[in-house]
Each structure stands twice: as C-alpha cells, then as structure tokens.
Amino acid sequence: MILDFSSQAGFTPTGETVIFGEAESGTGANSKPDVDAEVVGLYAQLKSYQKVAENMRLKGHKIDKNPRCKEDGCNNEHNCATGEYYLQCMHCGYHNSFRYERDDEGEYIKKDPLKDSSFDNFKGEEFEVKEPFGSYKYIFKDGPSFHGTIADITEYDSRLADFKTMEKDDIASFSISRLIDGKIQVTIIYEAETKGA
C-alpha cells in the first residue's frame, strides 16, 4: 500500500512516498483507511518518514525497501490481477518494472494471435535500471512532486539542460539524489526564494 503525503493538509509538501505492506500479525491485515490514518498521525508526531517506517515495522507491518540502497520509501505499485508492477526509488534511482504491451485501443497484444487470451500468451516487457546515475525530484509550490530515474551521465546532462530552459514560476525545488559510497547524497540544484526571506 502506498501512502503519499504530498497532498495532506498540514504537511510540508515534500512529495515523499512511504510504502506499507499489510499487517503480518495473526489478527489479519488492517484496512487501508486505518493504516493511512495511523501513518498520518505518526508523521504529525515524528516528522520523519524513516521514524514512521520504523514504528510501523515494530507494529508488525512489512515495510518495502529498495533492493539497491535499502532505503524505505520507493514508489511501488503492483497489479495483483495482472502481475504488472512498477518500482522506482526516489533516493538512488533504482527502477524495475514489468508491463504487458497494449495496442492503440488498450487491448493486450498476443504472442500468438491464434491462441486464447491469457497472460501466458500476452507480450510483456521487463525493464530494470540496476545501477542508475541517480534520481531527480521536482517539488512544486502547490504541493505535488514528480521524481524519476536518471539512468546515466548523459541523461543527467540532458535533465540539467532541460531544467535551465524551464519556466520556474511553479517550482519550489529541483534536486538530484544519488547513492555514493553506500550513502544517499542529495544535491539541491534549485530552490525558490521564499517570500519575506
């Protein structure tokens, strides 16, 4: 389950995402609204996603971690019906996804058109960036954020060149996050001036 705090009232709009799995206790899984409410309450107290994750882990929740940098808080989506998934780390940029190919009408493309429609017969594609250059993150003044993987130095140079030409009226900050010598290092490329500062 993905909890995104970027649009929660009363929170500093960082756009961070924390992923919480279902409870692993013998009493069964908590409902998503219950877990959402608990996490929002904990974040208001603790002001740290890492501390919230540690607290939820102690309560028996499975916290997803990035397989590369081992950080909590990957964007992780999984479609249980199809088996498609998407994992992207906002810290180091690791990316792994699988999706079935679709035609212009949104229908699955079959490997063999003469065979039945089944997931075994649909064309699928896995994509992984095991050793990315890093991750980029835009935080917008109205609250939401956008982040993604930077695969290599060429893409990094391209992102910086694109940013230089962008209109910056709505951007609160732009940063690059990288895994260097086993630690996450964040470089702030741009931060908007706050009024009254």
N, C-alpha and C. Protein backbone atom coordinates (compact mmCIF):
# COMPACT_ATOMS: atom_id res chain seq x y z
N MET A 1 0.85 -1.16 0.00
CA MET A 1 0.00 0.00 0.00
C MET A 1 0.90 1.22 0.00
N ILE A 2 0.55 2.23 -0.76
CA ILE A 2 1.38 3.42 -0.92
C ILE A 2 0.69 4.59 -0.25
N LEU A 3 1.41 5.25 0.60
CA LEU A 3 0.88 6.44 1.26
C LEU A 3 1.70 7.64 0.81
N ASP A 4 1.08 8.55 0.14
CA ASP A 4 1.77 9.72 -0.38
C ASP A 4 1.33 10.92 0.42
N PHE A 5 2.27 11.56 1.11
CA PHE A 5 1.94 12.67 1.99
C PHE A 5 1.94 14.02 1.28
N SER A 6 2.22 14.05 0.00
CA SER A 6 2.42 15.33 -0.67
C SER A 6 1.18 16.20 -0.67
N SER A 7 -0.02 15.60 -0.60
CA SER A 7 -1.23 16.41 -0.67
C SER A 7 -1.96 16.48 0.67
N GLN A 8 -1.37 15.98 1.75
CA GLN A 8 -2.04 16.00 3.04
C GLN A 8 -2.01 17.41 3.64
N ALA A 9 -3.15 17.87 4.09
CA ALA A 9 -3.23 19.19 4.71
C ALA A 9 -2.37 19.21 5.98
N GLY A 10 -1.67 20.31 6.19
CA GLY A 10 -0.87 20.46 7.38
C GLY A 10 0.54 19.91 7.27
N PHE A 11 0.89 19.31 6.13
CA PHE A 11 2.22 18.76 5.96
C PHE A 11 3.05 19.66 5.06
N THR A 12 4.33 19.73 5.33
CA THR A 12 5.23 20.39 4.40
C THR A 12 5.23 19.58 3.11
N PRO A 13 4.96 20.22 1.96
CA PRO A 13 4.83 19.45 0.71
C PRO A 13 6.18 18.95 0.19
N THR A 14 6.58 17.77 0.62
CA THR A 14 7.84 17.20 0.16
C THR A 14 7.63 16.18 -0.94
N GLY A 15 6.42 15.65 -1.05
CA GLY A 15 6.16 14.65 -2.08
C GLY A 15 6.72 13.29 -1.77
N GLU A 16 7.27 13.09 -0.58
CA GLU A 16 7.84 11.79 -0.23
C GLU A 16 6.75 10.73 -0.22
N THR A 17 7.09 9.52 -0.56
CA THR A 17 6.15 8.41 -0.54
C THR A 17 6.70 7.32 0.36
N VAL A 18 5.85 6.78 1.21
CA VAL A 18 6.24 5.69 2.08
C VAL A 18 5.33 4.52 1.76
N ILE A 19 5.88 3.33 1.68
CA ILE A 19 5.11 2.15 1.30
C ILE A 19 4.95 1.26 2.51
N PHE A 20 3.73 0.88 2.78
CA PHE A 20 3.45 -0.02 3.88
C PHE A 20 2.70 -1.22 3.35
N GLY A 21 3.21 -2.42 3.65
CA GLY A 21 2.51 -3.64 3.28
C GLY A 21 1.40 -3.92 4.28
N GLU A 22 0.73 -5.02 4.09
CA GLU A 22 -0.34 -5.40 5.01
C GLU A 22 0.27 -5.89 6.33
N ALA A 23 -0.49 -5.76 7.39
CA ALA A 23 -0.01 -6.22 8.70
C ALA A 23 0.22 -7.72 8.66
N GLU A 24 1.28 -8.17 9.31
CA GLU A 24 1.61 -9.59 9.28
C GLU A 24 1.26 -10.28 10.59
N SER A 25 0.46 -9.63 11.44
CA SER A 25 0.09 -10.24 12.71
C SER A 25 -1.01 -11.27 12.49
N GLY A 26 -1.26 -12.10 13.50
CA GLY A 26 -2.29 -13.13 13.40
C GLY A 26 -3.70 -12.58 13.37
N THR A 27 -3.87 -11.30 13.68
CA THR A 27 -5.22 -10.73 13.70
C THR A 27 -5.70 -10.31 12.33
N GLY A 28 -4.87 -10.43 11.30
CA GLY A 28 -5.29 -10.06 9.95
C GLY A 28 -4.81 -8.66 9.61
N ALA A 29 -4.97 -8.30 8.34
CA ALA A 29 -4.47 -7.03 7.84
C ALA A 29 -5.39 -5.88 8.24
N ASN A 30 -4.79 -4.75 8.55
CA ASN A 30 -5.57 -3.54 8.79
C ASN A 30 -6.11 -3.04 7.47
N SER A 31 -7.20 -2.29 7.53
CA SER A 31 -7.73 -1.70 6.31
C SER A 31 -6.85 -0.53 5.92
N LYS A 32 -6.86 -0.19 4.63
CA LYS A 32 -6.04 0.93 4.16
C LYS A 32 -6.41 2.23 4.86
N PRO A 33 -7.70 2.56 5.04
CA PRO A 33 -8.02 3.82 5.75
C PRO A 33 -7.46 3.85 7.17
N ASP A 34 -7.49 2.69 7.87
CA ASP A 34 -6.95 2.64 9.22
C ASP A 34 -5.44 2.89 9.22
N VAL A 35 -4.75 2.24 8.30
CA VAL A 35 -3.29 2.41 8.22
C VAL A 35 -2.96 3.83 7.79
N ASP A 36 -3.70 4.36 6.81
CA ASP A 36 -3.48 5.74 6.37
C ASP A 36 -3.59 6.70 7.55
N ALA A 37 -4.64 6.55 8.32
CA ALA A 37 -4.87 7.45 9.46
C ALA A 37 -3.75 7.31 10.49
N GLU A 38 -3.33 6.07 10.75
CA GLU A 38 -2.26 5.84 11.72
C GLU A 38 -0.95 6.48 11.26
N VAL A 39 -0.63 6.31 9.99
CA VAL A 39 0.62 6.87 9.47
C VAL A 39 0.59 8.39 9.48
N VAL A 40 -0.52 8.97 9.08
CA VAL A 40 -0.64 10.44 9.09
C VAL A 40 -0.46 10.95 10.51
N GLY A 41 -1.08 10.28 11.48
CA GLY A 41 -0.93 10.68 12.88
C GLY A 41 0.50 10.55 13.37
N LEU A 42 1.16 9.45 13.00
CA LEU A 42 2.56 9.25 13.40
C LEU A 42 3.47 10.29 12.78
N TYR A 43 3.24 10.61 11.48
CA TYR A 43 4.11 11.60 10.84
C TYR A 43 3.95 12.96 11.49
N ALA A 44 2.73 13.31 11.89
CA ALA A 44 2.50 14.59 12.56
C ALA A 44 3.30 14.66 13.86
N GLN A 45 3.46 13.52 14.54
CA GLN A 45 4.23 13.47 15.78
C GLN A 45 5.73 13.41 15.52
N LEU A 46 6.14 12.51 14.62
CA LEU A 46 7.56 12.18 14.46
C LEU A 46 8.31 13.04 13.45
N LYS A 47 7.59 13.61 12.48
CA LYS A 47 8.18 14.49 11.44
C LYS A 47 9.31 13.81 10.67
N SER A 48 9.23 12.49 10.52
CA SER A 48 10.29 11.76 9.82
C SER A 48 9.69 10.50 9.22
N TYR A 49 9.84 10.32 7.91
CA TYR A 49 9.34 9.13 7.26
C TYR A 49 10.07 7.89 7.75
N GLN A 50 11.37 8.01 8.00
CA GLN A 50 12.14 6.87 8.48
C GLN A 50 11.63 6.42 9.85
N LYS A 51 11.34 7.38 10.74
CA LYS A 51 10.83 7.03 12.07
C LYS A 51 9.44 6.41 11.98
N VAL A 52 8.61 6.92 11.05
CA VAL A 52 7.29 6.34 10.85
C VAL A 52 7.44 4.90 10.38
N ALA A 53 8.34 4.67 9.42
CA ALA A 53 8.56 3.31 8.90
C ALA A 53 9.04 2.38 10.02
N GLU A 54 9.97 2.85 10.85
CA GLU A 54 10.47 2.03 11.96
C GLU A 54 9.34 1.70 12.93
N ASN A 55 8.50 2.69 13.23
CA ASN A 55 7.38 2.50 14.15
C ASN A 55 6.39 1.47 13.59
N MET A 56 6.07 1.59 12.31
CA MET A 56 5.12 0.66 11.68
C MET A 56 5.72 -0.75 11.60
N ARG A 57 7.03 -0.85 11.38
CA ARG A 57 7.69 -2.15 11.33
C ARG A 57 7.57 -2.84 12.70
N LEU A 58 7.77 -2.07 13.77
CA LEU A 58 7.65 -2.63 15.12
C LEU A 58 6.23 -3.12 15.41
N LYS A 59 5.25 -2.54 14.74
CA LYS A 59 3.85 -2.94 14.94
C LYS A 59 3.47 -4.12 14.06
N GLY A 60 4.42 -4.66 13.30
CA GLY A 60 4.15 -5.86 12.52
C GLY A 60 3.86 -5.63 11.05
N HIS A 61 4.02 -4.40 10.57
CA HIS A 61 3.80 -4.11 9.15
C HIS A 61 5.08 -4.40 8.36
N LYS A 62 4.91 -4.93 7.18
CA LYS A 62 6.04 -5.17 6.29
C LYS A 62 6.33 -3.86 5.56
N ILE A 63 7.54 -3.37 5.67
CA ILE A 63 7.93 -2.13 5.01
C ILE A 63 8.81 -2.48 3.83
N ASP A 64 8.39 -2.08 2.64
CA ASP A 64 9.17 -2.38 1.44
C ASP A 64 10.43 -1.53 1.41
N LYS A 65 11.52 -2.14 0.99
CA LYS A 65 12.79 -1.43 0.87
C LYS A 65 13.35 -1.63 -0.53
N ASN A 66 14.11 -0.67 -0.94
CA ASN A 66 14.76 -0.74 -2.24
C ASN A 66 15.85 -1.82 -2.19
N PRO A 67 15.91 -2.71 -3.19
CA PRO A 67 16.93 -3.76 -3.18
C PRO A 67 18.35 -3.24 -3.38
N ARG A 68 18.51 -2.03 -3.91
CA ARG A 68 19.85 -1.50 -4.16
C ARG A 68 20.38 -0.70 -2.98
N CYS A 69 19.66 0.34 -2.56
CA CYS A 69 20.18 1.21 -1.50
C CYS A 69 19.57 0.89 -0.13
N LYS A 70 18.58 0.00 -0.10
CA LYS A 70 17.94 -0.46 1.14
C LYS A 70 17.16 0.64 1.86
N GLU A 71 16.81 1.73 1.16
CA GLU A 71 16.04 2.81 1.75
C GLU A 71 14.55 2.49 1.71
N ASP A 72 13.81 2.95 2.73
CA ASP A 72 12.36 2.90 2.71
C ASP A 72 11.87 3.99 1.75
N GLY A 73 10.66 3.82 1.25
CA GLY A 73 10.02 4.92 0.53
C GLY A 73 10.11 4.84 -0.97
N CYS A 74 10.20 3.67 -1.55
CA CYS A 74 10.15 3.56 -3.01
C CYS A 74 8.72 3.76 -3.49
N ASN A 75 8.59 4.25 -4.70
CA ASN A 75 7.29 4.24 -5.35
C ASN A 75 7.11 2.82 -5.87
N ASN A 76 6.15 2.10 -5.32
CA ASN A 76 6.00 0.69 -5.62
C ASN A 76 4.53 0.39 -5.87
N GLU A 77 4.22 0.00 -7.09
CA GLU A 77 2.84 -0.33 -7.43
C GLU A 77 2.82 -1.75 -8.00
N HIS A 78 1.80 -2.51 -7.62
CA HIS A 78 1.70 -3.89 -8.09
C HIS A 78 0.24 -4.18 -8.40
N ASN A 79 -0.02 -4.66 -9.61
CA ASN A 79 -1.36 -5.05 -10.01
C ASN A 79 -1.49 -6.55 -9.77
N CYS A 80 -2.21 -6.90 -8.71
CA CYS A 80 -2.34 -8.32 -8.35
C CYS A 80 -3.07 -9.12 -9.42
N ALA A 81 -3.96 -8.49 -10.16
CA ALA A 81 -4.74 -9.21 -11.17
C ALA A 81 -3.89 -9.60 -12.38
N THR A 82 -2.96 -8.72 -12.78
CA THR A 82 -2.19 -8.97 -14.00
C THR A 82 -0.74 -9.39 -13.72
N GLY A 83 -0.23 -9.06 -12.55
CA GLY A 83 1.18 -9.32 -12.26
C GLY A 83 2.09 -8.20 -12.70
N GLU A 84 1.54 -7.14 -13.27
CA GLU A 84 2.35 -5.99 -13.67
C GLU A 84 2.80 -5.25 -12.41
N TYR A 85 4.00 -4.66 -12.47
CA TYR A 85 4.50 -3.93 -11.32
C TYR A 85 5.40 -2.78 -11.76
N TYR A 86 5.63 -1.87 -10.83
CA TYR A 86 6.48 -0.70 -11.07
C TYR A 86 7.14 -0.36 -9.75
N LEU A 87 8.46 -0.31 -9.72
CA LEU A 87 9.19 0.10 -8.54
C LEU A 87 10.23 1.12 -8.96
N GLN A 88 10.22 2.28 -8.31
CA GLN A 88 11.19 3.32 -8.60
C GLN A 88 11.61 3.96 -7.28
N CYS A 89 12.91 4.00 -7.04
CA CYS A 89 13.43 4.57 -5.80
C CYS A 89 13.73 6.05 -5.99
N MET A 90 13.12 6.87 -5.12
CA MET A 90 13.36 8.31 -5.19
C MET A 90 14.71 8.69 -4.57
N HIS A 91 15.36 7.72 -3.95
CA HIS A 91 16.64 8.01 -3.30
C HIS A 91 17.83 7.76 -4.24
N CYS A 92 17.91 6.53 -4.80
CA CYS A 92 19.07 6.19 -5.64
C CYS A 92 18.72 6.09 -7.12
N GLY A 93 17.43 6.02 -7.46
CA GLY A 93 17.03 5.94 -8.86
C GLY A 93 16.81 4.53 -9.38
N TYR A 94 17.02 3.51 -8.54
CA TYR A 94 16.78 2.14 -8.99
C TYR A 94 15.37 2.03 -9.57
N HIS A 95 15.25 1.31 -10.70
CA HIS A 95 13.95 1.14 -11.35
C HIS A 95 13.80 -0.31 -11.81
N ASN A 96 12.62 -0.87 -11.57
CA ASN A 96 12.30 -2.20 -12.07
C ASN A 96 10.80 -2.24 -12.34
N SER A 97 10.43 -2.63 -13.55
CA SER A 97 9.01 -2.68 -13.89
C SER A 97 8.74 -3.79 -14.89
N PHE A 98 7.49 -4.22 -14.90
CA PHE A 98 7.02 -5.20 -15.88
C PHE A 98 5.61 -4.80 -16.28
N ARG A 99 5.38 -4.77 -17.58
CA ARG A 99 4.03 -4.48 -18.07
C ARG A 99 3.78 -5.25 -19.35
N TYR A 100 2.50 -5.52 -19.59
CA TYR A 100 2.10 -6.16 -20.83
C TYR A 100 1.90 -5.10 -21.89
N GLU A 101 2.32 -5.42 -23.11
CA GLU A 101 2.15 -4.48 -24.21
C GLU A 101 0.68 -4.40 -24.60
N ARG A 102 0.24 -3.20 -24.97
CA ARG A 102 -1.15 -2.98 -25.37
C ARG A 102 -1.18 -2.27 -26.71
N ASP A 103 -2.27 -2.48 -27.46
CA ASP A 103 -2.43 -1.80 -28.74
C ASP A 103 -3.07 -0.42 -28.52
N ASP A 104 -3.37 0.27 -29.60
CA ASP A 104 -3.92 1.63 -29.51
C ASP A 104 -5.27 1.68 -28.79
N GLU A 105 -5.99 0.56 -28.78
CA GLU A 105 -7.29 0.50 -28.10
C GLU A 105 -7.15 0.05 -26.64
N GLY A 106 -5.92 -0.22 -26.21
CA GLY A 106 -5.69 -0.65 -24.84
C GLY A 106 -5.81 -2.14 -24.61
N GLU A 107 -5.96 -2.91 -25.68
CA GLU A 107 -6.07 -4.37 -25.56
C GLU A 107 -4.67 -4.99 -25.52
N TYR A 108 -4.56 -6.09 -24.77
CA TYR A 108 -3.28 -6.79 -24.70
C TYR A 108 -2.89 -7.33 -26.07
N ILE A 109 -1.59 -7.27 -26.38
CA ILE A 109 -1.08 -7.82 -27.64
C ILE A 109 -0.68 -9.27 -27.40
N LYS A 110 -1.21 -10.16 -28.22
CA LYS A 110 -0.93 -11.59 -28.06
C LYS A 110 0.39 -11.97 -28.73
N LYS A 111 1.08 -12.94 -28.15
CA LYS A 111 2.26 -13.52 -28.77
C LYS A 111 1.83 -14.32 -30.00
N ASP A 112 0.78 -15.10 -29.84
CA ASP A 112 0.23 -15.92 -30.91
C ASP A 112 -1.24 -15.56 -31.07
N PRO A 113 -1.60 -14.86 -32.15
CA PRO A 113 -2.98 -14.40 -32.33
C PRO A 113 -4.01 -15.53 -32.41
N LEU A 114 -3.57 -16.75 -32.70
CA LEU A 114 -4.49 -17.87 -32.83
C LEU A 114 -4.82 -18.53 -31.48
N LYS A 115 -4.04 -18.22 -30.46
CA LYS A 115 -4.27 -18.82 -29.15
C LYS A 115 -5.20 -17.96 -28.30
N ASP A 116 -5.67 -18.55 -27.20
CA ASP A 116 -6.60 -17.87 -26.29
C ASP A 116 -5.96 -16.64 -25.66
N SER A 117 -6.86 -15.78 -25.15
CA SER A 117 -6.41 -14.62 -24.38
C SER A 117 -6.08 -15.09 -22.96
N SER A 118 -4.81 -15.15 -22.67
CA SER A 118 -4.35 -15.49 -21.32
C SER A 118 -3.02 -14.77 -21.11
N PHE A 119 -2.68 -14.55 -19.86
CA PHE A 119 -1.45 -13.82 -19.58
C PHE A 119 -0.22 -14.55 -20.11
N ASP A 120 -0.29 -15.87 -20.22
CA ASP A 120 0.82 -16.63 -20.80
C ASP A 120 1.02 -16.31 -22.28
N ASN A 121 -0.03 -15.83 -22.92
CA ASN A 121 0.03 -15.54 -24.35
C ASN A 121 0.12 -14.05 -24.66
N PHE A 122 0.29 -13.21 -23.66
CA PHE A 122 0.42 -11.77 -23.89
C PHE A 122 1.89 -11.38 -23.90
N LYS A 123 2.23 -10.43 -24.77
CA LYS A 123 3.60 -9.91 -24.83
C LYS A 123 3.84 -9.01 -23.62
N GLY A 124 4.91 -9.29 -22.92
CA GLY A 124 5.26 -8.48 -21.76
C GLY A 124 6.69 -8.01 -21.85
N GLU A 125 6.98 -6.95 -21.12
CA GLU A 125 8.34 -6.40 -21.14
C GLU A 125 8.76 -6.02 -19.73
N GLU A 126 9.92 -6.55 -19.31
CA GLU A 126 10.51 -6.15 -18.04
C GLU A 126 11.60 -5.13 -18.33
N PHE A 127 11.67 -4.11 -17.48
CA PHE A 127 12.67 -3.07 -17.65
C PHE A 127 13.31 -2.82 -16.29
N GLU A 128 14.64 -2.85 -16.24
CA GLU A 128 15.34 -2.63 -14.98
C GLU A 128 16.56 -1.75 -15.21
N VAL A 129 16.74 -0.78 -14.31
CA VAL A 129 17.95 0.02 -14.28
C VAL A 129 18.62 -0.32 -12.95
N LYS A 130 19.60 -1.24 -13.01
CA LYS A 130 20.23 -1.76 -11.79
C LYS A 130 21.20 -0.77 -11.16
N GLU A 131 21.93 -0.07 -11.98
CA GLU A 131 22.97 0.85 -11.48
C GLU A 131 22.75 2.24 -12.07
N PRO A 132 21.68 2.93 -11.66
CA PRO A 132 21.40 4.25 -12.23
C PRO A 132 22.38 5.30 -11.74
N PHE A 133 22.43 6.40 -12.47
CA PHE A 133 23.21 7.55 -12.03
C PHE A 133 22.60 8.12 -10.75
N GLY A 134 21.26 8.17 -10.71
CA GLY A 134 20.57 8.72 -9.54
C GLY A 134 19.10 8.92 -9.81
N SER A 135 18.51 9.81 -9.02
CA SER A 135 17.09 10.14 -9.13
C SER A 135 16.94 11.65 -9.13
N TYR A 136 15.98 12.14 -9.90
CA TYR A 136 15.68 13.58 -9.87
C TYR A 136 14.34 13.80 -9.19
N LYS A 137 14.17 14.99 -8.64
CA LYS A 137 12.91 15.30 -7.95
C LYS A 137 12.56 16.77 -8.12
N TYR A 138 11.36 16.99 -8.63
CA TYR A 138 10.78 18.33 -8.68
C TYR A 138 9.73 18.42 -7.58
N ILE A 139 9.77 19.47 -6.79
CA ILE A 139 8.69 19.76 -5.85
C ILE A 139 8.06 21.07 -6.32
N PHE A 140 6.74 21.03 -6.48
CA PHE A 140 6.02 22.20 -6.98
C PHE A 140 5.43 23.00 -5.82
N LYS A 141 5.26 24.30 -6.04
CA LYS A 141 4.80 25.20 -4.98
C LYS A 141 3.41 24.85 -4.49
N ASP A 142 2.57 24.26 -5.33
CA ASP A 142 1.22 23.92 -4.90
C ASP A 142 1.14 22.56 -4.21
N GLY A 143 2.28 21.90 -3.97
CA GLY A 143 2.27 20.68 -3.17
C GLY A 143 2.75 19.42 -3.83
N PRO A 144 2.28 19.06 -5.03
CA PRO A 144 2.69 17.77 -5.58
C PRO A 144 4.17 17.76 -5.98
N SER A 145 4.68 16.56 -6.17
CA SER A 145 6.06 16.42 -6.62
C SER A 145 6.12 15.40 -7.74
N PHE A 146 7.26 15.38 -8.40
CA PHE A 146 7.48 14.45 -9.50
C PHE A 146 8.93 13.98 -9.41
N HIS A 147 9.14 12.68 -9.46
CA HIS A 147 10.52 12.18 -9.42
C HIS A 147 10.66 11.03 -10.38
N GLY A 148 11.91 10.76 -10.76
CA GLY A 148 12.16 9.68 -11.70
C GLY A 148 13.63 9.29 -11.71
N THR A 149 13.91 8.27 -12.48
CA THR A 149 15.26 7.71 -12.57
C THR A 149 16.10 8.46 -13.59
N ILE A 150 17.36 8.67 -13.24
CA ILE A 150 18.37 9.16 -14.19
C ILE A 150 19.28 7.97 -14.46
N ALA A 151 19.19 7.42 -15.65
CA ALA A 151 19.89 6.17 -15.96
C ALA A 151 21.40 6.32 -16.01
N ASP A 152 21.90 7.42 -16.60
CA ASP A 152 23.35 7.56 -16.79
C ASP A 152 23.74 9.03 -16.86
N ILE A 153 25.01 9.30 -17.03
CA ILE A 153 25.53 10.67 -17.04
C ILE A 153 24.97 11.47 -18.21
N THR A 154 24.72 10.81 -19.33
CA THR A 154 24.15 11.50 -20.49
C THR A 154 22.76 12.01 -20.17
N GLU A 155 21.94 11.18 -19.51
CA GLU A 155 20.60 11.61 -19.13
C GLU A 155 20.66 12.71 -18.06
N TYR A 156 21.63 12.63 -17.17
CA TYR A 156 21.83 13.68 -16.16
C TYR A 156 22.10 15.02 -16.84
N ASP A 157 23.04 15.03 -17.78
CA ASP A 157 23.35 16.26 -18.51
C ASP A 157 22.12 16.81 -19.24
N SER A 158 21.34 15.91 -19.81
CA SER A 158 20.12 16.29 -20.53
C SER A 158 19.09 16.90 -19.57
N ARG A 159 18.91 16.31 -18.39
CA ARG A 159 17.97 16.84 -17.39
C ARG A 159 18.37 18.25 -16.96
N LEU A 160 19.67 18.45 -16.72
CA LEU A 160 20.14 19.78 -16.31
C LEU A 160 19.91 20.80 -17.42
N ALA A 161 20.19 20.41 -18.66
CA ALA A 161 19.98 21.31 -19.80
C ALA A 161 18.50 21.66 -19.94
N ASP A 162 17.63 20.66 -19.79
CA ASP A 162 16.18 20.92 -19.86
C ASP A 162 15.73 21.84 -18.75
N PHE A 163 16.27 21.64 -17.55
CA PHE A 163 15.86 22.46 -16.41
C PHE A 163 16.23 23.93 -16.62
N LYS A 164 17.38 24.17 -17.21
CA LYS A 164 17.82 25.56 -17.43
C LYS A 164 16.86 26.33 -18.32
N THR A 165 16.15 25.64 -19.19
CA THR A 165 15.23 26.31 -20.11
C THR A 165 13.79 26.32 -19.61
N MET A 166 13.51 25.67 -18.47
CA MET A 166 12.14 25.58 -17.96
C MET A 166 11.68 26.87 -17.31
N GLU A 167 10.36 27.11 -17.38
CA GLU A 167 9.73 28.17 -16.61
C GLU A 167 9.70 27.70 -15.16
N LYS A 168 10.17 28.53 -14.24
CA LYS A 168 10.33 28.10 -12.86
C LYS A 168 9.32 28.70 -11.89
N ASP A 169 8.29 29.38 -12.40
CA ASP A 169 7.31 30.04 -11.53
C ASP A 169 6.64 29.09 -10.55
N ASP A 170 6.35 27.85 -10.97
CA ASP A 170 5.62 26.90 -10.14
C ASP A 170 6.52 25.92 -9.39
N ILE A 171 7.82 26.02 -9.58
CA ILE A 171 8.74 25.04 -8.99
C ILE A 171 9.29 25.56 -7.66
N ALA A 172 9.14 24.74 -6.61
CA ALA A 172 9.70 25.08 -5.31
C ALA A 172 11.15 24.63 -5.22
N SER A 173 11.44 23.43 -5.77
CA SER A 173 12.82 22.96 -5.74
C SER A 173 13.04 21.87 -6.79
N PHE A 174 14.30 21.70 -7.14
CA PHE A 174 14.73 20.64 -8.05
C PHE A 174 16.01 20.07 -7.47
N SER A 175 16.05 18.74 -7.27
CA SER A 175 17.23 18.14 -6.66
C SER A 175 17.58 16.82 -7.33
N ILE A 176 18.82 16.42 -7.14
CA ILE A 176 19.34 15.14 -7.62
C ILE A 176 19.78 14.34 -6.40
N SER A 177 19.37 13.09 -6.34
CA SER A 177 19.72 12.21 -5.24
C SER A 177 20.50 11.03 -5.80
N ARG A 178 21.63 10.68 -5.16
CA ARG A 178 22.48 9.60 -5.67
C ARG A 178 22.99 8.72 -4.54
N LEU A 179 23.26 7.46 -4.87
CA LEU A 179 23.91 6.53 -3.96
C LEU A 179 25.41 6.59 -4.25
N ILE A 180 26.17 7.13 -3.29
CA ILE A 180 27.62 7.27 -3.46
C ILE A 180 28.30 6.67 -2.23
N ASP A 181 29.16 5.69 -2.46
CA ASP A 181 29.87 5.02 -1.37
C ASP A 181 28.92 4.51 -0.29
N GLY A 182 27.78 3.96 -0.73
CA GLY A 182 26.82 3.35 0.20
C GLY A 182 25.91 4.31 0.93
N LYS A 183 26.00 5.62 0.61
CA LYS A 183 25.16 6.61 1.29
C LYS A 183 24.42 7.46 0.27
N ILE A 184 23.20 7.87 0.62
CA ILE A 184 22.42 8.73 -0.25
C ILE A 184 22.91 10.17 -0.08
N GLN A 185 23.23 10.80 -1.20
CA GLN A 185 23.65 12.20 -1.19
C GLN A 185 22.70 12.99 -2.08
N VAL A 186 22.17 14.07 -1.54
CA VAL A 186 21.21 14.90 -2.27
C VAL A 186 21.86 16.23 -2.60
N THR A 187 21.77 16.62 -3.87
CA THR A 187 22.26 17.91 -4.32
C THR A 187 21.07 18.76 -4.73
N ILE A 188 20.90 19.90 -4.09
CA ILE A 188 19.83 20.82 -4.45
C ILE A 188 20.32 21.64 -5.64
N ILE A 189 19.66 21.48 -6.78
CA ILE A 189 20.03 22.23 -7.98
C ILE A 189 19.36 23.60 -7.97
N TYR A 190 18.12 23.64 -7.49
CA TYR A 190 17.36 24.89 -7.48
C TYR A 190 16.42 24.88 -6.29
N GLU A 191 16.32 26.03 -5.63
CA GLU A 191 15.35 26.20 -4.57
C GLU A 191 14.79 27.61 -4.68
N ALA A 192 13.48 27.71 -4.81
CA ALA A 192 12.84 29.02 -4.98
C ALA A 192 13.02 29.85 -3.71
N GLU A 193 13.15 31.14 -3.89
CA GLU A 193 13.21 32.03 -2.74
C GLU A 193 11.85 32.11 -2.10
N THR A 194 11.81 32.09 -0.77
CA THR A 194 10.54 32.22 -0.07
C THR A 194 10.26 33.68 0.19
N LYS A 195 8.99 34.07 0.10
CA LYS A 195 8.62 35.46 0.32
C LYS A 195 8.92 35.85 1.76
N GLY A 196 9.46 37.03 1.94
CA GLY A 196 9.76 37.53 3.27
C GLY A 196 11.11 37.06 3.80
N ALA A 197 11.84 36.30 2.99
CA ALA A 197 13.13 35.81 3.47
C ALA A 197 14.23 36.79 3.16
